[in-house]
Amino acid sequence: MLMLAILLLPGLSLLLIVMSRIEDKLHEVPQPARHARRSRHLRLVHGGRTAGADAGESDQRTAAA
């Protein structure tokens, strides 16, 4: 019985330390997100949108309606 108590003591102290760190992480105030500069957005289509393409699409939408 004494051996069990001696072996459990380091395990429980390790569990206490780990749970304390996890609790500290959960209660931290999140820092604001780091956003990319406005000029550096991800473009999924090569060339991106152009003013001419937008105007042509809107004309087609109004003609269809």
C-alpha atoms as a PDB file:
ATOM      1  CA  MET A   1       0.000   0.000   0.000  1.00  0.00           C
ATOM      2  CA  LEU A   2       2.870   2.333   0.787  1.00  0.00           C
ATOM      3  CA  MET A   3       4.452   1.637  -2.627  1.00  0.00           C
ATOM      4  CA  LEU A   4       1.218   2.642  -4.361  1.00  0.00           C
ATOM      5  CA  ALA A   5       1.134   5.951  -2.461  1.00  0.00           C
ATOM      6  CA  ILE A   6       4.779   6.638  -3.318  1.00  0.00           C
ATOM      7  CA  LEU A   7       4.203   5.935  -7.013  1.00  0.00           C
ATOM      8  CA  LEU A   8       1.006   7.989  -7.228  1.00  0.00           C
ATOM      9  CA  LEU A   9       2.527  11.127  -5.718  1.00  0.00           C
ATOM     10  CA  PRO A  10       4.706  12.101  -8.747  1.00  0.00           C
ATOM     11  CA  GLY A  11       1.888  11.230 -11.171  1.00  0.00           C
ATOM     12  CA  LEU A  12      -0.643  13.379  -9.378  1.00  0.00           C
ATOM     13  CA  SER A  13       1.782  16.281  -9.036  1.00  0.00           C
ATOM     14  CA  LEU A  14       2.508  16.088 -12.774  1.00  0.00           C
ATOM     15  CA  LEU A  15      -1.228  16.047 -13.490  1.00  0.00           C
ATOM     16  CA  LEU A  16      -1.680  19.107 -11.259  1.00  0.00           C
ATOM     17  CA  ILE A  17       1.040  21.026 -13.130  1.00  0.00           C
ATOM     18  CA  VAL A  18      -0.360  20.125 -16.548  1.00  0.00           C
ATOM     19  CA  MET A  19      -3.925  21.043 -15.587  1.00  0.00           C
ATOM     20  CA  SER A  20      -2.722  24.339 -14.131  1.00  0.00           C
ATOM     21  CA  ARG A  21      -1.005  25.247 -17.410  1.00  0.00           C
ATOM     22  CA  ILE A  22      -4.054  24.262 -19.454  1.00  0.00           C
ATOM     23  CA  GLU A  23      -6.273  26.387 -17.209  1.00  0.00           C
ATOM     24  CA  ASP A  24      -3.940  29.371 -17.623  1.00  0.00           C
ATOM     25  CA  LYS A  25      -4.064  28.998 -21.409  1.00  0.00           C
ATOM     26  CA  LEU A  26      -7.864  28.891 -21.379  1.00  0.00           C
ATOM     27  CA  HIS A  27      -8.178  32.050 -19.294  1.00  0.00           C
ATOM     28  CA  GLU A  28      -5.743  34.158 -21.341  1.00  0.00           C
ATOM     29  CA  VAL A  29      -7.182  37.125 -23.208  1.00  0.00           C
ATOM     30  CA  PRO A  30      -6.770  36.399 -26.935  1.00  0.00           C
ATOM     31  CA  GLN A  31      -4.571  38.795 -28.853  1.00  0.00           C
ATOM     32  CA  PRO A  32      -6.042  40.521 -31.907  1.00  0.00           C
ATOM     33  CA  ALA A  33      -5.606  38.625 -35.144  1.00  0.00           C
ATOM     34  CA  ARG A  34      -2.703  39.531 -37.391  1.00  0.00           C
ATOM     35  CA  HIS A  35      -4.185  40.529 -40.723  1.00  0.00           C
ATOM     36  CA  ALA A  36      -2.359  40.899 -43.978  1.00  0.00           C
ATOM     37  CA  ARG A  37      -2.007  44.344 -45.425  1.00  0.00           C
ATOM     38  CA  ARG A  38      -4.886  45.429 -47.630  1.00  0.00           C
ATOM     39  CA  SER A  39      -2.797  45.207 -50.788  1.00  0.00           C
ATOM     40  CA  ARG A  40      -1.814  41.574 -50.143  1.00  0.00           C
ATOM     41  CA  HIS A  41      -4.985  39.528 -50.499  1.00  0.00           C
ATOM     42  CA  LEU A  42      -5.058  36.002 -51.810  1.00  0.00           C
ATOM     43  CA  ARG A  43      -6.242  35.824 -55.392  1.00  0.00           C
ATOM     44  CA  LEU A  44      -7.616  32.457 -56.425  1.00  0.00           C
ATOM     45  CA  VAL A  45      -8.013  33.396 -60.091  1.00  0.00           C
ATOM     46  CA  HIS A  46      -4.984  34.714 -61.984  1.00  0.00           C
ATOM     47  CA  GLY A  47      -5.412  38.422 -62.638  1.00  0.00           C
ATOM     48  CA  GLY A  48      -8.284  38.837 -60.198  1.00  0.00           C
ATOM     49  CA  ARG A  49     -11.279  41.035 -60.868  1.00  0.00           C
ATOM     50  CA  THR A  50     -11.109  43.890 -63.304  1.00  0.00           C
ATOM     51  CA  ALA A  51     -13.434  46.866 -63.625  1.00  0.00           C
ATOM     52  CA  GLY A  52     -14.442  45.866 -67.155  1.00  0.00           C
ATOM     53  CA  ALA A  53     -15.496  42.368 -66.104  1.00  0.00           C
ATOM     54  CA  ASP A  54     -17.708  43.719 -63.314  1.00  0.00           C
ATOM     55  CA  ALA A  55     -19.456  46.152 -65.650  1.00  0.00           C
ATOM     56  CA  GLY A  56     -20.091  43.446 -68.228  1.00  0.00           C
ATOM     57  CA  GLU A  57     -21.571  41.077 -65.638  1.00  0.00           C
ATOM     58  CA  SER A  58     -23.904  43.741 -64.255  1.00  0.00           C
ATOM     59  CA  ASP A  59     -25.139  44.574 -67.758  1.00  0.00           C
ATOM     60  CA  GLN A  60     -25.932  40.920 -68.364  1.00  0.00           C
ATOM     61  CA  ARG A  61     -27.812  40.667 -65.076  1.00  0.00           C
ATOM     62  CA  THR A  62     -29.991  43.703 -65.826  1.00  0.00           C
ATOM     63  CA  ALA A  63     -30.740  42.442 -69.344  1.00  0.00           C
ATOM     64  CA  ALA A  64     -31.795  39.020 -68.015  1.00  0.00           C
ATOM     65  CA  ALA A  65     -34.082  40.543 -65.375  1.00  0.00           C
END
